[in-house]
Amino acid sequence: MADTTRTVDIDSTIAALQQGLTSVPIEQAIAVIESWQQQLQGTDIAEDLGDLKQALQSGDTTAIAQIMSDLGEDTSESAASATGDIAVKVEQLGELLSQAGQSLM
């Protein structure tokens, strides 16, 4: 069941990023971030997500851009330890996060 939840979360997160950052209301973005934080608790990515949440709440675009780029790199690196379809989706998510961060710089 946890894998199914992660797949749904990955798919919905990818879809949101593909629509563009400004298409996602901040409240929805924070809810997605909190969901990922719970699933990734105790990892560097979860810590970065906490930083992203704070940057979103404060409106610090420079910090948001840097954190999203970092998250993209970390997510892409974690794809190496995933398998099958999940690995492809995690890699895609990493690329989208990096692109979103770059678009804000």
PDB file of N, CA and C in Angstrom:
ATOM      1  N   MET A   1       0.815  -1.202   0.000  1.00  0.00           N
ATOM      2  CA  MET A   1       0.000   0.000   0.000  1.00  0.00           C
ATOM      3  C   MET A   1       0.855   1.260   0.000  1.00  0.00           C
ATOM      4  N   ALA A   2       1.962   1.259   0.731  1.00  0.00           N
ATOM      5  CA  ALA A   2       2.828   2.434   0.781  1.00  0.00           C
ATOM      6  C   ALA A   2       3.394   2.742  -0.602  1.00  0.00           C
ATOM      7  N   ASP A   3       3.756   1.701  -1.372  1.00  0.00           N
ATOM      8  CA  ASP A   3       4.266   1.924  -2.718  1.00  0.00           C
ATOM      9  C   ASP A   3       3.203   2.554  -3.610  1.00  0.00           C
ATOM     10  N   THR A   4       1.956   2.132  -3.452  1.00  0.00           N
ATOM     11  CA  THR A   4       0.864   2.701  -4.226  1.00  0.00           C
ATOM     12  C   THR A   4       0.695   4.175  -3.880  1.00  0.00           C
ATOM     13  N   THR A   5       0.764   4.501  -2.604  1.00  0.00           N
ATOM     14  CA  THR A   5       0.648   5.892  -2.170  1.00  0.00           C
ATOM     15  C   THR A   5       1.772   6.721  -2.758  1.00  0.00           C
ATOM     16  N   ARG A   6       2.989   6.205  -2.714  1.00  0.00           N
ATOM     17  CA  ARG A   6       4.128   6.946  -3.264  1.00  0.00           C
ATOM     18  C   ARG A   6       3.975   7.145  -4.771  1.00  0.00           C
ATOM     19  N   THR A   7       3.490   6.128  -5.477  1.00  0.00           N
ATOM     20  CA  THR A   7       3.296   6.255  -6.917  1.00  0.00           C
ATOM     21  C   THR A   7       2.278   7.339  -7.220  1.00  0.00           C
ATOM     22  N   VAL A   8       1.171   7.363  -6.475  1.00  0.00           N
ATOM     23  CA  VAL A   8       0.154   8.396  -6.665  1.00  0.00           C
ATOM     24  C   VAL A   8       0.743   9.762  -6.351  1.00  0.00           C
ATOM     25  N   ASP A   9       1.494   9.870  -5.250  1.00  0.00           N
ATOM     26  CA  ASP A   9       2.119  11.137  -4.889  1.00  0.00           C
ATOM     27  C   ASP A   9       3.119  11.585  -5.954  1.00  0.00           C
ATOM     28  N   ILE A  10       3.904  10.662  -6.483  1.00  0.00           N
ATOM     29  CA  ILE A  10       4.865  11.008  -7.524  1.00  0.00           C
ATOM     30  C   ILE A  10       4.123  11.503  -8.757  1.00  0.00           C
ATOM     31  N   ASP A  11       3.101  10.760  -9.162  1.00  0.00           N
ATOM     32  CA  ASP A  11       2.334  11.149 -10.346  1.00  0.00           C
ATOM     33  C   ASP A  11       1.689  12.523 -10.182  1.00  0.00           C
ATOM     34  N   SER A  12       1.080  12.772  -9.027  1.00  0.00           N
ATOM     35  CA  SER A  12       0.413  14.064  -8.821  1.00  0.00           C
ATOM     36  C   SER A  12       1.429  15.201  -8.701  1.00  0.00           C
ATOM     37  N   THR A  13       2.582  14.927  -8.112  1.00  0.00           N
ATOM     38  CA  THR A  13       3.617  15.951  -7.993  1.00  0.00           C
ATOM     39  C   THR A  13       4.204  16.273  -9.367  1.00  0.00           C
ATOM     40  N   ILE A  14       4.444  15.242 -10.169  1.00  0.00           N
ATOM     41  CA  ILE A  14       4.936  15.453 -11.532  1.00  0.00           C
ATOM     42  C   ILE A  14       3.928  16.283 -12.322  1.00  0.00           C
ATOM     43  N   ALA A  15       2.659  15.922 -12.236  1.00  0.00           N
ATOM     44  CA  ALA A  15       1.609  16.648 -12.968  1.00  0.00           C
ATOM     45  C   ALA A  15       1.573  18.114 -12.553  1.00  0.00           C
ATOM     46  N   ALA A  16       1.684  18.383 -11.259  1.00  0.00           N
ATOM     47  CA  ALA A  16       1.655  19.769 -10.775  1.00  0.00           C
ATOM     48  C   ALA A  16       2.854  20.554 -11.294  1.00  0.00           C
ATOM     49  N   LEU A  17       4.032  19.943 -11.268  1.00  0.00           N
ATOM     50  CA  LEU A  17       5.228  20.637 -11.747  1.00  0.00           C
ATOM     51  C   LEU A  17       5.175  20.879 -13.254  1.00  0.00           C
ATOM     52  N   GLN A  18       4.569  19.950 -13.984  1.00  0.00           N
ATOM     53  CA  GLN A  18       4.450  20.120 -15.433  1.00  0.00           C
ATOM     54  C   GLN A  18       3.516  21.272 -15.794  1.00  0.00           C
ATOM     55  N   GLN A  19       2.568  21.570 -14.917  1.00  0.00           N
ATOM     56  CA  GLN A  19       1.640  22.677 -15.163  1.00  0.00           C
ATOM     57  C   GLN A  19       2.289  24.029 -14.893  1.00  0.00           C
ATOM     58  N   GLY A  20       3.388  24.019 -14.166  1.00  0.00           N
ATOM     59  CA  GLY A  20       4.078  25.267 -13.856  1.00  0.00           C
ATOM     60  C   GLY A  20       3.870  25.653 -12.404  1.00  0.00           C
ATOM     61  N   LEU A  21       4.883  26.272 -11.847  1.00  0.00           N
ATOM     62  CA  LEU A  21       4.853  26.612 -10.423  1.00  0.00           C
ATOM     63  C   LEU A  21       3.719  27.550 -10.051  1.00  0.00           C
ATOM     64  N   THR A  22       3.405  28.478 -10.921  1.00  0.00           N
ATOM     65  CA  THR A  22       2.383  29.458 -10.573  1.00  0.00           C
ATOM     66  C   THR A  22       0.971  28.897 -10.656  1.00  0.00           C
ATOM     67  N   SER A  23       0.819  27.693 -11.205  1.00  0.00           N
ATOM     68  CA  SER A  23      -0.510  27.092 -11.310  1.00  0.00           C
ATOM     69  C   SER A  23      -0.931  26.394 -10.017  1.00  0.00           C
ATOM     70  N   VAL A  24       0.008  26.233  -9.087  1.00  0.00           N
ATOM     71  CA  VAL A  24      -0.275  25.530  -7.831  1.00  0.00           C
ATOM     72  C   VAL A  24      -0.408  26.560  -6.711  1.00  0.00           C
ATOM     73  N   PRO A  25      -1.590  26.627  -6.084  1.00  0.00           N
ATOM     74  CA  PRO A  25      -1.741  27.541  -4.943  1.00  0.00           C
ATOM     75  C   PRO A  25      -0.770  27.167  -3.816  1.00  0.00           C
ATOM     76  N   ILE A  26      -0.275  28.164  -3.107  1.00  0.00           N
ATOM     77  CA  ILE A  26       0.701  27.920  -2.035  1.00  0.00           C
ATOM     78  C   ILE A  26       0.174  26.915  -1.021  1.00  0.00           C
ATOM     79  N   GLU A  27      -1.109  27.010  -0.656  1.00  0.00           N
ATOM     80  CA  GLU A  27      -1.671  26.083   0.337  1.00  0.00           C
ATOM     81  C   GLU A  27      -1.578  24.635  -0.157  1.00  0.00           C
ATOM     82  N   GLN A  28      -1.842  24.436  -1.453  1.00  0.00           N
ATOM     83  CA  GLN A  28      -1.765  23.093  -2.021  1.00  0.00           C
ATOM     84  C   GLN A  28      -0.310  22.617  -2.064  1.00  0.00           C
ATOM     85  N   ALA A  29       0.601  23.508  -2.441  1.00  0.00           N
ATOM     86  CA  ALA A  29       2.019  23.162  -2.484  1.00  0.00           C
ATOM     87  C   ALA A  29       2.506  22.754  -1.094  1.00  0.00           C
ATOM     88  N   ILE A  30       2.087  23.482  -0.084  1.00  0.00           N
ATOM     89  CA  ILE A  30       2.503  23.163   1.288  1.00  0.00           C
ATOM     90  C   ILE A  30       1.935  21.813   1.719  1.00  0.00           C
ATOM     91  N   ALA A  31       0.700  21.507   1.335  1.00  0.00           N
ATOM     92  CA  ALA A  31       0.112  20.210   1.669  1.00  0.00           C
ATOM     93  C   ALA A  31       0.897  19.068   1.011  1.00  0.00           C
ATOM     94  N   VAL A  32       1.299  19.265  -0.227  1.00  0.00           N
ATOM     95  CA  VAL A  32       2.093  18.250  -0.930  1.00  0.00           C
ATOM     96  C   VAL A  32       3.447  18.092  -0.247  1.00  0.00           C
ATOM     97  N   ILE A  33       4.071  19.216   0.092  1.00  0.00           N
ATOM     98  CA  ILE A  33       5.369  19.181   0.775  1.00  0.00           C
ATOM     99  C   ILE A  33       5.260  18.420   2.088  1.00  0.00           C
ATOM    100  N   GLU A  34       4.225  18.701   2.866  1.00  0.00           N
ATOM    101  CA  GLU A  34       4.051  18.029   4.159  1.00  0.00           C
ATOM    102  C   GLU A  34       3.839  16.531   3.982  1.00  0.00           C
ATOM    103  N   SER A  35       3.108  16.139   2.947  1.00  0.00           N
ATOM    104  CA  SER A  35       2.903  14.720   2.669  1.00  0.00           C
ATOM    105  C   SER A  35       4.234  14.028   2.367  1.00  0.00           C
ATOM    106  N   TRP A  36       5.047  14.670   1.530  1.00  0.00           N
ATOM    107  CA  TRP A  36       6.359  14.108   1.207  1.00  0.00           C
ATOM    108  C   TRP A  36       7.267  14.086   2.438  1.00  0.00           C
ATOM    109  N   GLN A  37       7.189  15.123   3.263  1.00  0.00           N
ATOM    110  CA  GLN A  37       8.013  15.151   4.482  1.00  0.00           C
ATOM    111  C   GLN A  37       7.711  13.945   5.365  1.00  0.00           C
ATOM    112  N   GLN A  38       6.435  13.616   5.517  1.00  0.00           N
ATOM    113  CA  GLN A  38       6.052  12.479   6.349  1.00  0.00           C
ATOM    114  C   GLN A  38       6.616  11.182   5.783  1.00  0.00           C
ATOM    115  N   GLN A  39       6.515  11.019   4.470  1.00  0.00           N
ATOM    116  CA  GLN A  39       6.980   9.782   3.843  1.00  0.00           C
ATOM    117  C   GLN A  39       8.497   9.650   3.864  1.00  0.00           C
ATOM    118  N   LEU A  40       9.191  10.776   3.840  1.00  0.00           N
ATOM    119  CA  LEU A  40      10.653  10.765   3.743  1.00  0.00           C
ATOM    120  C   LEU A  40      11.324  11.181   5.049  1.00  0.00           C
ATOM    121  N   GLN A  41      10.571  11.094   6.128  1.00  0.00           N
ATOM    122  CA  GLN A  41      11.045  11.511   7.447  1.00  0.00           C
ATOM    123  C   GLN A  41      12.431  10.923   7.747  1.00  0.00           C
ATOM    124  N   GLY A  42      13.312  11.775   8.266  1.00  0.00           N
ATOM    125  CA  GLY A  42      14.643  11.326   8.650  1.00  0.00           C
ATOM    126  C   GLY A  42      15.662  11.371   7.520  1.00  0.00           C
ATOM    127  N   THR A  43      15.288  11.892   6.359  1.00  0.00           N
ATOM    128  CA  THR A  43      16.218  11.982   5.236  1.00  0.00           C
ATOM    129  C   THR A  43      16.596  13.440   4.988  1.00  0.00           C
ATOM    130  N   ASP A  44      17.664  13.628   4.216  1.00  0.00           N
ATOM    131  CA  ASP A  44      18.069  14.984   3.841  1.00  0.00           C
ATOM    132  C   ASP A  44      17.002  15.655   2.994  1.00  0.00           C
ATOM    133  N   ILE A  45      16.324  14.853   2.169  1.00  0.00           N
ATOM    134  CA  ILE A  45      15.276  15.423   1.315  1.00  0.00           C
ATOM    135  C   ILE A  45      14.141  15.977   2.177  1.00  0.00           C
ATOM    136  N   ALA A  46      13.769  15.276   3.231  1.00  0.00           N
ATOM    137  CA  ALA A  46      12.706  15.770   4.118  1.00  0.00           C
ATOM    138  C   ALA A  46      13.118  17.085   4.768  1.00  0.00           C
ATOM    139  N   GLU A  47      14.381  17.192   5.121  1.00  0.00           N
ATOM    140  CA  GLU A  47      14.887  18.435   5.715  1.00  0.00           C
ATOM    141  C   GLU A  47      14.817  19.576   4.694  1.00  0.00           C
ATOM    142  N   ASP A  48      15.218  19.287   3.454  1.00  0.00           N
ATOM    143  CA  ASP A  48      15.132  20.291   2.387  1.00  0.00           C
ATOM    144  C   ASP A  48      13.682  20.703   2.139  1.00  0.00           C
ATOM    145  N   LEU A  49      12.768  19.755   2.231  1.00  0.00           N
ATOM    146  CA  LEU A  49      11.351  20.073   2.044  1.00  0.00           C
ATOM    147  C   LEU A  49      10.860  21.022   3.129  1.00  0.00           C
ATOM    148  N   GLY A  50      11.340  20.850   4.350  1.00  0.00           N
ATOM    149  CA  GLY A  50      10.997  21.766   5.436  1.00  0.00           C
ATOM    150  C   GLY A  50      11.494  23.173   5.135  1.00  0.00           C
ATOM    151  N   ASP A  51      12.718  23.254   4.589  1.00  0.00           N
ATOM    152  CA  ASP A  51      13.272  24.554   4.195  1.00  0.00           C
ATOM    153  C   ASP A  51      12.442  25.180   3.077  1.00  0.00           C
ATOM    154  N   LEU A  52      12.009  24.343   2.121  1.00  0.00           N
ATOM    155  CA  LEU A  52      11.193  24.841   1.015  1.00  0.00           C
ATOM    156  C   LEU A  52       9.863  25.384   1.528  1.00  0.00           C
ATOM    157  N   LYS A  53       9.274  24.678   2.452  1.00  0.00           N
ATOM    158  CA  LYS A  53       8.000  25.124   3.036  1.00  0.00           C
ATOM    159  C   LYS A  53       8.153  26.498   3.683  1.00  0.00           C
ATOM    160  N   GLN A  54       9.223  26.678   4.444  1.00  0.00           N
ATOM    161  CA  GLN A  54       9.472  27.971   5.091  1.00  0.00           C
ATOM    162  C   GLN A  54       9.704  29.065   4.056  1.00  0.00           C
ATOM    163  N   ALA A  55      10.453  28.749   3.002  1.00  0.00           N
ATOM    164  CA  ALA A  55      10.724  29.742   1.955  1.00  0.00           C
ATOM    165  C   ALA A  55       9.440  30.135   1.233  1.00  0.00           C
ATOM    166  N   LEU A  56       8.565  29.158   0.990  1.00  0.00           N
ATOM    167  CA  LEU A  56       7.278  29.449   0.351  1.00  0.00           C
ATOM    168  C   LEU A  56       6.436  30.369   1.228  1.00  0.00           C
ATOM    169  N   GLN A  57       6.408  30.059   2.520  1.00  0.00           N
ATOM    170  CA  GLN A  57       5.604  30.853   3.443  1.00  0.00           C
ATOM    171  C   GLN A  57       6.126  32.277   3.570  1.00  0.00           C
ATOM    172  N   SER A  58       7.435  32.460   3.427  1.00  0.00           N
ATOM    173  CA  SER A  58       8.010  33.802   3.541  1.00  0.00           C
ATOM    174  C   SER A  58       8.068  34.518   2.190  1.00  0.00           C
ATOM    175  N   GLY A  59       7.849  33.767   1.099  1.00  0.00           N
ATOM    176  CA  GLY A  59       7.882  34.373  -0.232  1.00  0.00           C
ATOM    177  C   GLY A  59       9.283  34.663  -0.747  1.00  0.00           C
ATOM    178  N   ASP A  60      10.275  33.967  -0.229  1.00  0.00           N
ATOM    179  CA  ASP A  60      11.677  34.178  -0.604  1.00  0.00           C
ATOM    180  C   ASP A  60      11.986  33.416  -1.901  1.00  0.00           C
ATOM    181  N   THR A  61      11.798  34.072  -3.036  1.00  0.00           N
ATOM    182  CA  THR A  61      11.956  33.439  -4.345  1.00  0.00           C
ATOM    183  C   THR A  61      13.366  32.912  -4.570  1.00  0.00           C
ATOM    184  N   THR A  62      14.366  33.650  -4.120  1.00  0.00           N
ATOM    185  CA  THR A  62      15.754  33.203  -4.292  1.00  0.00           C
ATOM    186  C   THR A  62      15.989  31.892  -3.550  1.00  0.00           C
ATOM    187  N   ALA A  63      15.511  31.814  -2.311  1.00  0.00           N
ATOM    188  CA  ALA A  63      15.663  30.584  -1.530  1.00  0.00           C
ATOM    189  C   ALA A  63      14.868  29.451  -2.155  1.00  0.00           C
ATOM    190  N   ILE A  64      13.666  29.739  -2.622  1.00  0.00           N
ATOM    191  CA  ILE A  64      12.829  28.710  -3.256  1.00  0.00           C
ATOM    192  C   ILE A  64      13.567  28.126  -4.460  1.00  0.00           C
ATOM    193  N   ALA A  65      14.130  28.983  -5.291  1.00  0.00           N
ATOM    194  CA  ALA A  65      14.848  28.539  -6.485  1.00  0.00           C
ATOM    195  C   ALA A  65      16.013  27.624  -6.114  1.00  0.00           C
ATOM    196  N   GLN A  66      16.804  28.034  -5.127  1.00  0.00           N
ATOM    197  CA  GLN A  66      17.973  27.245  -4.730  1.00  0.00           C
ATOM    198  C   GLN A  66      17.558  25.909  -4.126  1.00  0.00           C
ATOM    199  N   ILE A  67      16.561  25.928  -3.261  1.00  0.00           N
ATOM    200  CA  ILE A  67      16.109  24.699  -2.600  1.00  0.00           C
ATOM    201  C   ILE A  67      15.526  23.728  -3.631  1.00  0.00           C
ATOM    202  N   MET A  68      14.743  24.246  -4.569  1.00  0.00           N
ATOM    203  CA  MET A  68      14.157  23.364  -5.594  1.00  0.00           C
ATOM    204  C   MET A  68      15.249  22.749  -6.466  1.00  0.00           C
ATOM    205  N   SER A  69      16.266  23.518  -6.795  1.00  0.00           N
ATOM    206  CA  SER A  69      17.383  22.969  -7.566  1.00  0.00           C
ATOM    207  C   SER A  69      18.092  21.873  -6.779  1.00  0.00           C
ATOM    208  N   ASP A  70      18.338  22.134  -5.493  1.00  0.00           N
ATOM    209  CA  ASP A  70      18.968  21.127  -4.633  1.00  0.00           C
ATOM    210  C   ASP A  70      18.108  19.875  -4.517  1.00  0.00           C
ATOM    211  N   LEU A  71      16.803  20.078  -4.335  1.00  0.00           N
ATOM    212  CA  LEU A  71      15.885  18.938  -4.256  1.00  0.00           C
ATOM    213  C   LEU A  71      15.902  18.135  -5.551  1.00  0.00           C
ATOM    214  N   GLY A  72      15.978  18.825  -6.667  1.00  0.00           N
ATOM    215  CA  GLY A  72      16.039  18.143  -7.953  1.00  0.00           C
ATOM    216  C   GLY A  72      17.255  17.249  -8.054  1.00  0.00           C
ATOM    217  N   GLU A  73      18.410  17.773  -7.650  1.00  0.00           N
ATOM    218  CA  GLU A  73      19.644  16.988  -7.682  1.00  0.00           C
ATOM    219  C   GLU A  73      19.549  15.784  -6.746  1.00  0.00           C
ATOM    220  N   ASP A  74      19.099  16.022  -5.519  1.00  0.00           N
ATOM    221  CA  ASP A  74      18.992  14.936  -4.536  1.00  0.00           C
ATOM    222  C   ASP A  74      17.993  13.876  -4.986  1.00  0.00           C
ATOM    223  N   THR A  75      16.889  14.317  -5.575  1.00  0.00           N
ATOM    224  CA  THR A  75      15.859  13.385  -6.038  1.00  0.00           C
ATOM    225  C   THR A  75      16.390  12.546  -7.192  1.00  0.00           C
ATOM    226  N   SER A  76      17.086  13.181  -8.118  1.00  0.00           N
ATOM    227  CA  SER A  76      17.667  12.446  -9.242  1.00  0.00           C
ATOM    228  C   SER A  76      18.680  11.413  -8.746  1.00  0.00           C
ATOM    229  N   GLU A  77      19.481  11.792  -7.763  1.00  0.00           N
ATOM    230  CA  GLU A  77      20.452  10.852  -7.192  1.00  0.00           C
ATOM    231  C   GLU A  77      19.757   9.669  -6.531  1.00  0.00           C
ATOM    232  N   SER A  78      18.623   9.927  -5.883  1.00  0.00           N
ATOM    233  CA  SER A  78      17.918   8.833  -5.202  1.00  0.00           C
ATOM    234  C   SER A  78      17.257   7.877  -6.188  1.00  0.00           C
ATOM    235  N   ALA A  79      17.085   8.310  -7.429  1.00  0.00           N
ATOM    236  CA  ALA A  79      16.499   7.431  -8.451  1.00  0.00           C
ATOM    237  C   ALA A  79      17.383   6.216  -8.685  1.00  0.00           C
ATOM    238  N   ALA A  80      18.682   6.355  -8.434  1.00  0.00           N
ATOM    239  CA  ALA A  80      19.614   5.239  -8.631  1.00  0.00           C
ATOM    240  C   ALA A  80      19.301   4.057  -7.713  1.00  0.00           C
ATOM    241  N   SER A  81      18.713   4.343  -6.556  1.00  0.00           N
ATOM    242  CA  SER A  81      18.407   3.257  -5.615  1.00  0.00           C
ATOM    243  C   SER A  81      16.982   2.726  -5.788  1.00  0.00           C
ATOM    244  N   ALA A  82      16.213   3.348  -6.675  1.00  0.00           N
ATOM    245  CA  ALA A  82      14.855   2.873  -6.957  1.00  0.00           C
ATOM    246  C   ALA A  82      14.911   1.853  -8.097  1.00  0.00           C
ATOM    247  N   THR A  83      13.794   1.164  -8.307  1.00  0.00           N
ATOM    248  CA  THR A  83      13.763   0.148  -9.358  1.00  0.00           C
ATOM    249  C   THR A  83      12.562   0.345 -10.273  1.00  0.00           C
ATOM    250  N   GLY A  84      12.700  -0.137 -11.482  1.00  0.00           N
ATOM    251  CA  GLY A  84      11.597  -0.185 -12.427  1.00  0.00           C
ATOM    252  C   GLY A  84      10.964   1.157 -12.729  1.00  0.00           C
ATOM    253  N   ASP A  85       9.636   1.133 -12.802  1.00  0.00           N
ATOM    254  CA  ASP A  85       8.853   2.313 -13.161  1.00  0.00           C
ATOM    255  C   ASP A  85       9.048   3.444 -12.158  1.00  0.00           C
ATOM    256  N   ILE A  86       9.216   3.095 -10.901  1.00  0.00           N
ATOM    257  CA  ILE A  86       9.421   4.113  -9.859  1.00  0.00           C
ATOM    258  C   ILE A  86      10.712   4.881 -10.128  1.00  0.00           C
ATOM    259  N   ALA A  87      11.772   4.183 -10.515  1.00  0.00           N
ATOM    260  CA  ALA A  87      13.051   4.845 -10.795  1.00  0.00           C
ATOM    261  C   ALA A  87      12.889   5.882 -11.902  1.00  0.00           C
ATOM    262  N   VAL A  88      12.143   5.540 -12.946  1.00  0.00           N
ATOM    263  CA  VAL A  88      11.912   6.463 -14.054  1.00  0.00           C
ATOM    264  C   VAL A  88      11.144   7.683 -13.564  1.00  0.00           C
ATOM    265  N   LYS A  89      10.130   7.462 -12.747  1.00  0.00           N
ATOM    266  CA  LYS A  89       9.316   8.570 -12.237  1.00  0.00           C
ATOM    267  C   LYS A  89      10.108   9.448 -11.276  1.00  0.00           C
ATOM    268  N   VAL A  90      10.931   8.842 -10.437  1.00  0.00           N
ATOM    269  CA  VAL A  90      11.750   9.613  -9.502  1.00  0.00           C
ATOM    270  C   VAL A  90      12.755  10.470 -10.276  1.00  0.00           C
ATOM    271  N   GLU A  91      13.340   9.899 -11.327  1.00  0.00           N
ATOM    272  CA  GLU A  91      14.270  10.659 -12.167  1.00  0.00           C
ATOM    273  C   GLU A  91      13.541  11.825 -12.839  1.00  0.00           C
ATOM    274  N   GLN A  92      12.341  11.578 -13.350  1.00  0.00           N
ATOM    275  CA  GLN A  92      11.555  12.637 -13.985  1.00  0.00           C
ATOM    276  C   GLN A  92      11.222  13.727 -12.975  1.00  0.00           C
ATOM    277  N   LEU A  93      10.841  13.331 -11.773  1.00  0.00           N
ATOM    278  CA  LEU A  93      10.536  14.293 -10.719  1.00  0.00           C
ATOM    279  C   LEU A  93      11.762  15.148 -10.405  1.00  0.00           C
ATOM    280  N   GLY A  94      12.917  14.514 -10.315  1.00  0.00           N
ATOM    281  CA  GLY A  94      14.156  15.251 -10.059  1.00  0.00           C
ATOM    282  C   GLY A  94      14.447  16.277 -11.132  1.00  0.00           C
ATOM    283  N   GLU A  95      14.252  15.882 -12.387  1.00  0.00           N
ATOM    284  CA  GLU A  95      14.487  16.800 -13.500  1.00  0.00           C
ATOM    285  C   GLU A  95      13.520  17.987 -13.454  1.00  0.00           C
ATOM    286  N   LEU A  96      12.264  17.708 -13.153  1.00  0.00           N
ATOM    287  CA  LEU A  96      11.265  18.780 -13.082  1.00  0.00           C
ATOM    288  C   LEU A  96      11.556  19.743 -11.935  1.00  0.00           C
ATOM    289  N   LEU A  97      11.979  19.215 -10.801  1.00  0.00           N
ATOM    290  CA  LEU A  97      12.333  20.078  -9.670  1.00  0.00           C
ATOM    291  C   LEU A  97      13.506  20.977 -10.028  1.00  0.00           C
ATOM    292  N   SER A  98      14.517  20.407 -10.679  1.00  0.00           N
ATOM    293  CA  SER A  98      15.681  21.193 -11.092  1.00  0.00           C
ATOM    294  C   SER A  98      15.272  22.275 -12.082  1.00  0.00           C
ATOM    295  N   GLN A  99      14.447  21.903 -13.063  1.00  0.00           N
ATOM    296  CA  GLN A  99      13.986  22.883 -14.056  1.00  0.00           C
ATOM    297  C   GLN A  99      13.179  23.995 -13.396  1.00  0.00           C
ATOM    298  N   ALA A 100      12.331  23.633 -12.443  1.00  0.00           N
ATOM    299  CA  ALA A 100      11.516  24.639 -11.750  1.00  0.00           C
ATOM    300  C   ALA A 100      12.424  25.595 -10.976  1.00  0.00           C
ATOM    301  N   GLY A 101      13.433  25.055 -10.315  1.00  0.00           N
ATOM    302  CA  GLY A 101      14.369  25.906  -9.585  1.00  0.00           C
ATOM    303  C   GLY A 101      15.098  26.847 -10.521  1.00  0.00           C
ATOM    304  N   GLN A 102      15.560  26.333 -11.663  1.00  0.00           N
ATOM    305  CA  GLN A 102      16.277  27.156 -12.652  1.00  0.00           C
ATOM    306  C   GLN A 102      15.384  28.251 -13.220  1.00  0.00           C
ATOM    307  N   SER A 103      14.090  27.941 -13.369  1.00  0.00           N
ATOM    308  CA  SER A 103      13.175  28.928 -13.956  1.00  0.00           C
ATOM    309  C   SER A 103      12.962  30.132 -13.040  1.00  0.00           C
ATOM    310  N   LEU A 104      13.255  29.967 -11.768  1.00  0.00           N
ATOM    311  CA  LEU A 104      13.083  31.065 -10.813  1.00  0.00           C
ATOM    312  C   LEU A 104      14.342  31.913 -10.647  1.00  0.00           C
ATOM    313  N   MET A 105      15.465  31.414 -11.179  1.00  0.00           N
ATOM    314  CA  MET A 105      16.734  32.136 -10.988  1.00  0.00           C
ATOM    315  C   MET A 105      16.890  33.258 -11.985  1.00  0.00           C
TER     316      MET A 105
END
